[in-house]
Amino acid sequence: MTLRLGKPFIMSMIGGGVGGFFSSLFQLKATGLGLTGIPGTLLYLNEQLPLYLLVNLTAFSTAFVLTWMFGFKKDDTLA
């Protein structure tokens, strides 16, 4: 649904980029690759878990706020 609307998709990509930036900044390391979000929590090393959760919250919050401010108009609704 976000790809069809365009702007929410771009805002979510920006949020993911912010999350990736902070992951790099904090030098987070995983024991595996492939899962993201809540299932991906199991892949991160135990001492890094709070930072991983903070980065996920930051990425989600950034995407949410940008979409709320710029990415969605009432005219874009489907129903």
C-alpha atoms as a PDB file:
ATOM      1  CA  MET A   1       0.000   0.000   0.000  1.00  0.00           C
ATOM      2  CA  THR A   2       2.833   2.456   0.730  1.00  0.00           C
ATOM      3  CA  LEU A   3       4.451   1.920  -2.672  1.00  0.00           C
ATOM      4  CA  ARG A   4       1.240   2.911  -4.447  1.00  0.00           C
ATOM      5  CA  LEU A   5       0.965   6.158  -2.476  1.00  0.00           C
ATOM      6  CA  GLY A   6       4.602   7.111  -3.038  1.00  0.00           C
ATOM      7  CA  LYS A   7       5.323   9.641  -0.300  1.00  0.00           C
ATOM      8  CA  PRO A   8       4.797   7.262   2.661  1.00  0.00           C
ATOM      9  CA  PHE A   9       7.135   4.819   0.920  1.00  0.00           C
ATOM     10  CA  ILE A  10       9.833   7.487   0.586  1.00  0.00           C
ATOM     11  CA  MET A  11       9.383   8.545   4.224  1.00  0.00           C
ATOM     12  CA  SER A  12       9.772   4.933   5.376  1.00  0.00           C
ATOM     13  CA  MET A  13      12.978   4.642   3.337  1.00  0.00           C
ATOM     14  CA  ILE A  14      14.306   7.776   5.034  1.00  0.00           C
ATOM     15  CA  GLY A  15      13.436   6.272   8.431  1.00  0.00           C
ATOM     16  CA  GLY A  16      15.284   3.083   7.485  1.00  0.00           C
ATOM     17  CA  GLY A  17      18.275   5.152   6.422  1.00  0.00           C
ATOM     18  CA  VAL A  18      18.311   6.944   9.775  1.00  0.00           C
ATOM     19  CA  GLY A  19      18.176   3.567  11.528  1.00  0.00           C
ATOM     20  CA  GLY A  20      21.039   2.277   9.390  1.00  0.00           C
ATOM     21  CA  PHE A  21      23.081   5.385  10.156  1.00  0.00           C
ATOM     22  CA  PHE A  22      22.677   4.925  13.900  1.00  0.00           C
ATOM     23  CA  SER A  23      23.408   1.188  13.617  1.00  0.00           C
ATOM     24  CA  SER A  24      26.670   2.074  11.926  1.00  0.00           C
ATOM     25  CA  LEU A  25      27.406   4.829  14.421  1.00  0.00           C
ATOM     26  CA  PHE A  26      26.921   2.450  17.374  1.00  0.00           C
ATOM     27  CA  GLN A  27      28.779  -0.351  15.506  1.00  0.00           C
ATOM     28  CA  LEU A  28      26.003  -2.894  16.085  1.00  0.00           C
ATOM     29  CA  LYS A  29      26.898  -6.449  15.148  1.00  0.00           C
ATOM     30  CA  ALA A  30      24.591  -9.365  14.473  1.00  0.00           C
ATOM     31  CA  THR A  31      25.146 -13.107  14.695  1.00  0.00           C
ATOM     32  CA  GLY A  32      23.139 -13.681  11.528  1.00  0.00           C
ATOM     33  CA  LEU A  33      21.501 -11.979   8.581  1.00  0.00           C
ATOM     34  CA  GLY A  34      18.080 -11.945   6.991  1.00  0.00           C
ATOM     35  CA  LEU A  35      15.509 -11.050   9.643  1.00  0.00           C
ATOM     36  CA  THR A  36      14.628  -7.520  10.634  1.00  0.00           C
ATOM     37  CA  GLY A  37      12.397  -5.894  13.183  1.00  0.00           C
ATOM     38  CA  ILE A  38      11.077  -7.905  16.112  1.00  0.00           C
ATOM     39  CA  PRO A  39      12.325 -11.355  14.928  1.00  0.00           C
ATOM     40  CA  GLY A  40      15.726  -9.785  14.237  1.00  0.00           C
ATOM     41  CA  THR A  41      16.086  -9.015  17.940  1.00  0.00           C
ATOM     42  CA  LEU A  42      17.251 -12.601  18.468  1.00  0.00           C
ATOM     43  CA  LEU A  43      20.198 -12.071  16.106  1.00  0.00           C
ATOM     44  CA  TYR A  44      21.854  -9.288  18.062  1.00  0.00           C
ATOM     45  CA  LEU A  45      24.424  -9.908  20.739  1.00  0.00           C
ATOM     46  CA  ASN A  46      23.084  -9.592  24.281  1.00  0.00           C
ATOM     47  CA  GLU A  47      25.122  -6.576  25.378  1.00  0.00           C
ATOM     48  CA  GLN A  48      23.961  -4.688  22.276  1.00  0.00           C
ATOM     49  CA  LEU A  49      20.266  -5.420  22.687  1.00  0.00           C
ATOM     50  CA  PRO A  50      19.349  -2.053  24.300  1.00  0.00           C
ATOM     51  CA  LEU A  51      21.119  -0.168  21.488  1.00  0.00           C
ATOM     52  CA  TYR A  52      19.395  -2.343  18.891  1.00  0.00           C
ATOM     53  CA  LEU A  53      15.999  -1.556  20.405  1.00  0.00           C
ATOM     54  CA  LEU A  54      16.868   2.152  20.539  1.00  0.00           C
ATOM     55  CA  VAL A  55      17.879   2.145  16.866  1.00  0.00           C
ATOM     56  CA  ASN A  56      14.647   0.365  15.879  1.00  0.00           C
ATOM     57  CA  LEU A  57      12.599   2.866  17.873  1.00  0.00           C
ATOM     58  CA  THR A  58      14.487   5.763  16.274  1.00  0.00           C
ATOM     59  CA  ALA A  59      13.934   4.437  12.746  1.00  0.00           C
ATOM     60  CA  PHE A  60      10.242   3.771  13.374  1.00  0.00           C
ATOM     61  CA  SER A  61       9.702   7.169  14.999  1.00  0.00           C
ATOM     62  CA  THR A  62      11.484   9.010  12.184  1.00  0.00           C
ATOM     63  CA  ALA A  63       9.410   7.279   9.516  1.00  0.00           C
ATOM     64  CA  PHE A  64       6.186   7.846  11.452  1.00  0.00           C
ATOM     65  CA  VAL A  65       6.791  11.545  12.084  1.00  0.00           C
ATOM     66  CA  LEU A  66       7.896  12.248   8.505  1.00  0.00           C
ATOM     67  CA  THR A  67       4.874  10.416   7.102  1.00  0.00           C
ATOM     68  CA  TRP A  68       2.560  12.227   9.490  1.00  0.00           C
ATOM     69  CA  MET A  69       4.021  15.624   8.575  1.00  0.00           C
ATOM     70  CA  PHE A  70       4.753  15.313   4.847  1.00  0.00           C
ATOM     71  CA  GLY A  71       3.799  11.985   3.389  1.00  0.00           C
ATOM     72  CA  PHE A  72       0.063  11.575   3.535  1.00  0.00           C
ATOM     73  CA  LYS A  73      -2.899  13.703   2.536  1.00  0.00           C
ATOM     74  CA  LYS A  74      -6.532  12.910   3.129  1.00  0.00           C
ATOM     75  CA  ASP A  75      -7.097  12.950  -0.655  1.00  0.00           C
ATOM     76  CA  ASP A  76      -4.728   9.972  -0.992  1.00  0.00           C
ATOM     77  CA  THR A  77      -7.079   7.585   0.829  1.00  0.00           C
ATOM     78  CA  LEU A  78      -8.549   4.764  -1.181  1.00  0.00           C
ATOM     79  CA  ALA A  79     -11.980   4.481   0.384  1.00  0.00           C
END
